[in-house]
Amino acid sequence: MMAYHIKKLEKSKQIKVKRYDRRSTRFYPFNIAAKELQVIEYIRRKTALEIVSFLSKYGPSTFKDIVRITKKVRSTVSWHLSRLREGGIISVKMRRNQMYMLKNRDLVIKIMKKIK
């Protein structure tokens, strides 16, 4: 019954539906921009959101700083940073240490205000 109504809403362009596999589906307002949707997709995990929040507040940061604030093991932080980088949310600059920074800080802050 619910699937019928979701299909109706989707066909009438009232919602966007993102299906990932048979067990995972996300629903969004139809008027959400593609760039906003991409950012939301990548920061929906708690650790990724912590990392992005930290970078939005403090700017470019080292891997060591990010590990310290998230209180996660290095491998977990590395996985999330790689994922955020693949999604185009963050970039890395090589200096003395690798510096991680948001690619589009204003967009990320705007979205974080909406989802909190």
C-alpha atoms as a PDB file:
ATOM      1  CA  MET A   1       0.000   0.000   0.000  1.00  0.00           C
ATOM      2  CA  MET A   2       2.740   2.440   0.917  1.00  0.00           C
ATOM      3  CA  ALA A   3       4.678   1.605  -2.270  1.00  0.00           C
ATOM      4  CA  TYR A   4       1.652   2.662  -4.318  1.00  0.00           C
ATOM      5  CA  HIS A   5       1.547   6.092  -2.662  1.00  0.00           C
ATOM      6  CA  ILE A   6       5.293   6.576  -2.967  1.00  0.00           C
ATOM      7  CA  LYS A   7       5.105   5.808  -6.702  1.00  0.00           C
ATOM      8  CA  LYS A   8       2.267   8.334  -7.051  1.00  0.00           C
ATOM      9  CA  LEU A   9       4.279  11.025  -5.247  1.00  0.00           C
ATOM     10  CA  GLU A  10       7.331  10.240  -7.328  1.00  0.00           C
ATOM     11  CA  LYS A  11       5.441  10.314 -10.636  1.00  0.00           C
ATOM     12  CA  SER A  12       3.757  13.597  -9.704  1.00  0.00           C
ATOM     13  CA  LYS A  13       7.220  15.064  -8.985  1.00  0.00           C
ATOM     14  CA  GLN A  14       6.513  15.797  -5.342  1.00  0.00           C
ATOM     15  CA  ILE A  15       9.423  13.700  -4.029  1.00  0.00           C
ATOM     16  CA  LYS A  16      12.732  12.314  -5.269  1.00  0.00           C
ATOM     17  CA  VAL A  17      13.447   8.700  -4.421  1.00  0.00           C
ATOM     18  CA  LYS A  18      16.997   7.333  -4.256  1.00  0.00           C
ATOM     19  CA  ARG A  19      17.134   3.530  -4.166  1.00  0.00           C
ATOM     20  CA  TYR A  20      20.445   1.958  -3.188  1.00  0.00           C
ATOM     21  CA  ASP A  21      19.577  -1.699  -2.963  1.00  0.00           C
ATOM     22  CA  ARG A  22      16.561  -3.716  -1.983  1.00  0.00           C
ATOM     23  CA  ARG A  23      16.873  -2.658   1.661  1.00  0.00           C
ATOM     24  CA  SER A  24      17.780   1.025   1.470  1.00  0.00           C
ATOM     25  CA  THR A  25      15.739   3.891   0.060  1.00  0.00           C
ATOM     26  CA  ARG A  26      15.888   7.621   0.786  1.00  0.00           C
ATOM     27  CA  PHE A  27      13.215  10.237   0.100  1.00  0.00           C
ATOM     28  CA  TYR A  28      13.890  13.914  -0.611  1.00  0.00           C
ATOM     29  CA  PRO A  29      11.860  16.984  -1.575  1.00  0.00           C
ATOM     30  CA  PHE A  30      11.591  17.172  -5.361  1.00  0.00           C
ATOM     31  CA  ASN A  31      12.996  20.703  -5.555  1.00  0.00           C
ATOM     32  CA  ILE A  32      16.328  19.796  -3.934  1.00  0.00           C
ATOM     33  CA  ALA A  33      19.292  20.658  -6.147  1.00  0.00           C
ATOM     34  CA  ALA A  34      21.551  17.855  -7.378  1.00  0.00           C
ATOM     35  CA  LYS A  35      24.604  19.368  -5.645  1.00  0.00           C
ATOM     36  CA  GLU A  36      22.735  19.577  -2.339  1.00  0.00           C
ATOM     37  CA  LEU A  37      21.565  15.998  -2.689  1.00  0.00           C
ATOM     38  CA  GLN A  38      25.117  14.828  -3.314  1.00  0.00           C
ATOM     39  CA  VAL A  39      26.393  16.564  -0.165  1.00  0.00           C
ATOM     40  CA  ILE A  40      23.548  15.102   1.916  1.00  0.00           C
ATOM     41  CA  GLU A  41      24.329  11.630   0.616  1.00  0.00           C
ATOM     42  CA  TYR A  42      27.935  11.888   1.738  1.00  0.00           C
ATOM     43  CA  ILE A  43      27.398  13.467   5.168  1.00  0.00           C
ATOM     44  CA  ARG A  44      24.540  11.327   6.415  1.00  0.00           C
ATOM     45  CA  ARG A  45      26.912   9.157   8.459  1.00  0.00           C
ATOM     46  CA  LYS A  46      27.750  10.552  11.893  1.00  0.00           C
ATOM     47  CA  THR A  47      31.545  10.454  11.511  1.00  0.00           C
ATOM     48  CA  ALA A  48      31.452  12.080   8.073  1.00  0.00           C
ATOM     49  CA  LEU A  49      29.176  14.798   9.466  1.00  0.00           C
ATOM     50  CA  GLU A  50      31.610  15.365  12.372  1.00  0.00           C
ATOM     51  CA  ILE A  51      34.497  15.720   9.937  1.00  0.00           C
ATOM     52  CA  VAL A  52      32.616  18.118   7.664  1.00  0.00           C
ATOM     53  CA  SER A  53      31.390  20.160  10.664  1.00  0.00           C
ATOM     54  CA  PHE A  54      34.942  20.450  11.960  1.00  0.00           C
ATOM     55  CA  LEU A  55      36.291  21.523   8.560  1.00  0.00           C
ATOM     56  CA  SER A  56      33.497  24.067   8.123  1.00  0.00           C
ATOM     57  CA  LYS A  57      34.262  25.597  11.508  1.00  0.00           C
ATOM     58  CA  TYR A  58      38.084  25.494  11.555  1.00  0.00           C
ATOM     59  CA  GLY A  59      39.044  25.375   7.896  1.00  0.00           C
ATOM     60  CA  PRO A  60      41.926  23.363   6.440  1.00  0.00           C
ATOM     61  CA  SER A  61      43.091  20.692   8.888  1.00  0.00           C
ATOM     62  CA  THR A  62      45.559  17.850   9.090  1.00  0.00           C
ATOM     63  CA  PHE A  63      44.689  14.190   9.328  1.00  0.00           C
ATOM     64  CA  LYS A  64      45.995  14.175  12.891  1.00  0.00           C
ATOM     65  CA  ASP A  65      43.627  17.025  13.878  1.00  0.00           C
ATOM     66  CA  ILE A  66      40.655  15.227  12.348  1.00  0.00           C
ATOM     67  CA  VAL A  67      41.494  11.968  14.140  1.00  0.00           C
ATOM     68  CA  ARG A  68      41.779  13.892  17.417  1.00  0.00           C
ATOM     69  CA  ILE A  69      38.398  15.630  17.174  1.00  0.00           C
ATOM     70  CA  THR A  70      36.450  12.611  15.935  1.00  0.00           C
ATOM     71  CA  LYS A  71      38.015  10.271  18.510  1.00  0.00           C
ATOM     72  CA  LYS A  72      37.937   7.501  15.902  1.00  0.00           C
ATOM     73  CA  VAL A  73      40.715   5.163  14.877  1.00  0.00           C
ATOM     74  CA  ARG A  74      42.893   6.285  11.985  1.00  0.00           C
ATOM     75  CA  SER A  75      41.514   3.676   9.574  1.00  0.00           C
ATOM     76  CA  THR A  76      37.929   4.858  10.162  1.00  0.00           C
ATOM     77  CA  VAL A  77      38.847   8.500   9.611  1.00  0.00           C
ATOM     78  CA  SER A  78      40.848   7.573   6.526  1.00  0.00           C
ATOM     79  CA  TRP A  79      37.870   5.689   5.071  1.00  0.00           C
ATOM     80  CA  HIS A  80      35.519   8.628   5.628  1.00  0.00           C
ATOM     81  CA  LEU A  81      38.011  11.135   4.214  1.00  0.00           C
ATOM     82  CA  SER A  82      38.486   8.997   1.106  1.00  0.00           C
ATOM     83  CA  ARG A  83      34.748   8.730   0.659  1.00  0.00           C
ATOM     84  CA  LEU A  84      34.228  12.496   1.118  1.00  0.00           C
ATOM     85  CA  ARG A  85      37.032  13.171  -1.350  1.00  0.00           C
ATOM     86  CA  GLU A  86      35.539  10.783  -3.947  1.00  0.00           C
ATOM     87  CA  GLY A  87      32.209  12.556  -3.523  1.00  0.00           C
ATOM     88  CA  GLY A  88      33.760  15.938  -4.232  1.00  0.00           C
ATOM     89  CA  ILE A  89      32.958  17.272  -0.760  1.00  0.00           C
ATOM     90  CA  ILE A  90      36.560  17.791   0.359  1.00  0.00           C
ATOM     91  CA  SER A  91      39.910  18.294  -1.313  1.00  0.00           C
ATOM     92  CA  VAL A  92      43.473  17.680  -0.172  1.00  0.00           C
ATOM     93  CA  LYS A  93      46.406  20.061  -0.516  1.00  0.00           C
ATOM     94  CA  MET A  94      49.926  18.809  -0.112  1.00  0.00           C
ATOM     95  CA  ARG A  95      52.021  21.038   2.074  1.00  0.00           C
ATOM     96  CA  ARG A  96      54.310  19.889   4.836  1.00  0.00           C
ATOM     97  CA  ASN A  97      51.328  17.775   5.914  1.00  0.00           C
ATOM     98  CA  GLN A  98      48.251  16.890   3.910  1.00  0.00           C
ATOM     99  CA  MET A  99      45.604  19.530   4.535  1.00  0.00           C
ATOM    100  CA  TYR A 100      41.948  18.564   4.166  1.00  0.00           C
ATOM    101  CA  MET A 101      39.433  21.277   3.297  1.00  0.00           C
ATOM    102  CA  LEU A 102      35.889  21.684   2.062  1.00  0.00           C
ATOM    103  CA  LYS A 103      35.512  22.304  -1.667  1.00  0.00           C
ATOM    104  CA  ASN A 104      32.328  24.362  -1.353  1.00  0.00           C
ATOM    105  CA  ARG A 105      32.156  25.588   2.236  1.00  0.00           C
ATOM    106  CA  ASP A 106      29.115  27.852   1.739  1.00  0.00           C
ATOM    107  CA  LEU A 107      27.025  25.064   0.207  1.00  0.00           C
ATOM    108  CA  VAL A 108      27.987  22.608   2.958  1.00  0.00           C
ATOM    109  CA  ILE A 109      27.142  25.096   5.723  1.00  0.00           C
ATOM    110  CA  LYS A 110      23.793  25.860   4.076  1.00  0.00           C
ATOM    111  CA  ILE A 111      22.927  22.156   3.935  1.00  0.00           C
ATOM    112  CA  MET A 112      24.090  21.455   7.484  1.00  0.00           C
ATOM    113  CA  LYS A 113      21.785  24.205   8.754  1.00  0.00           C
ATOM    114  CA  LYS A 114      18.871  22.577   6.919  1.00  0.00           C
ATOM    115  CA  ILE A 115      19.458  19.054   8.218  1.00  0.00           C
ATOM    116  CA  LYS A 116      20.188  19.800  11.873  1.00  0.00           C
END
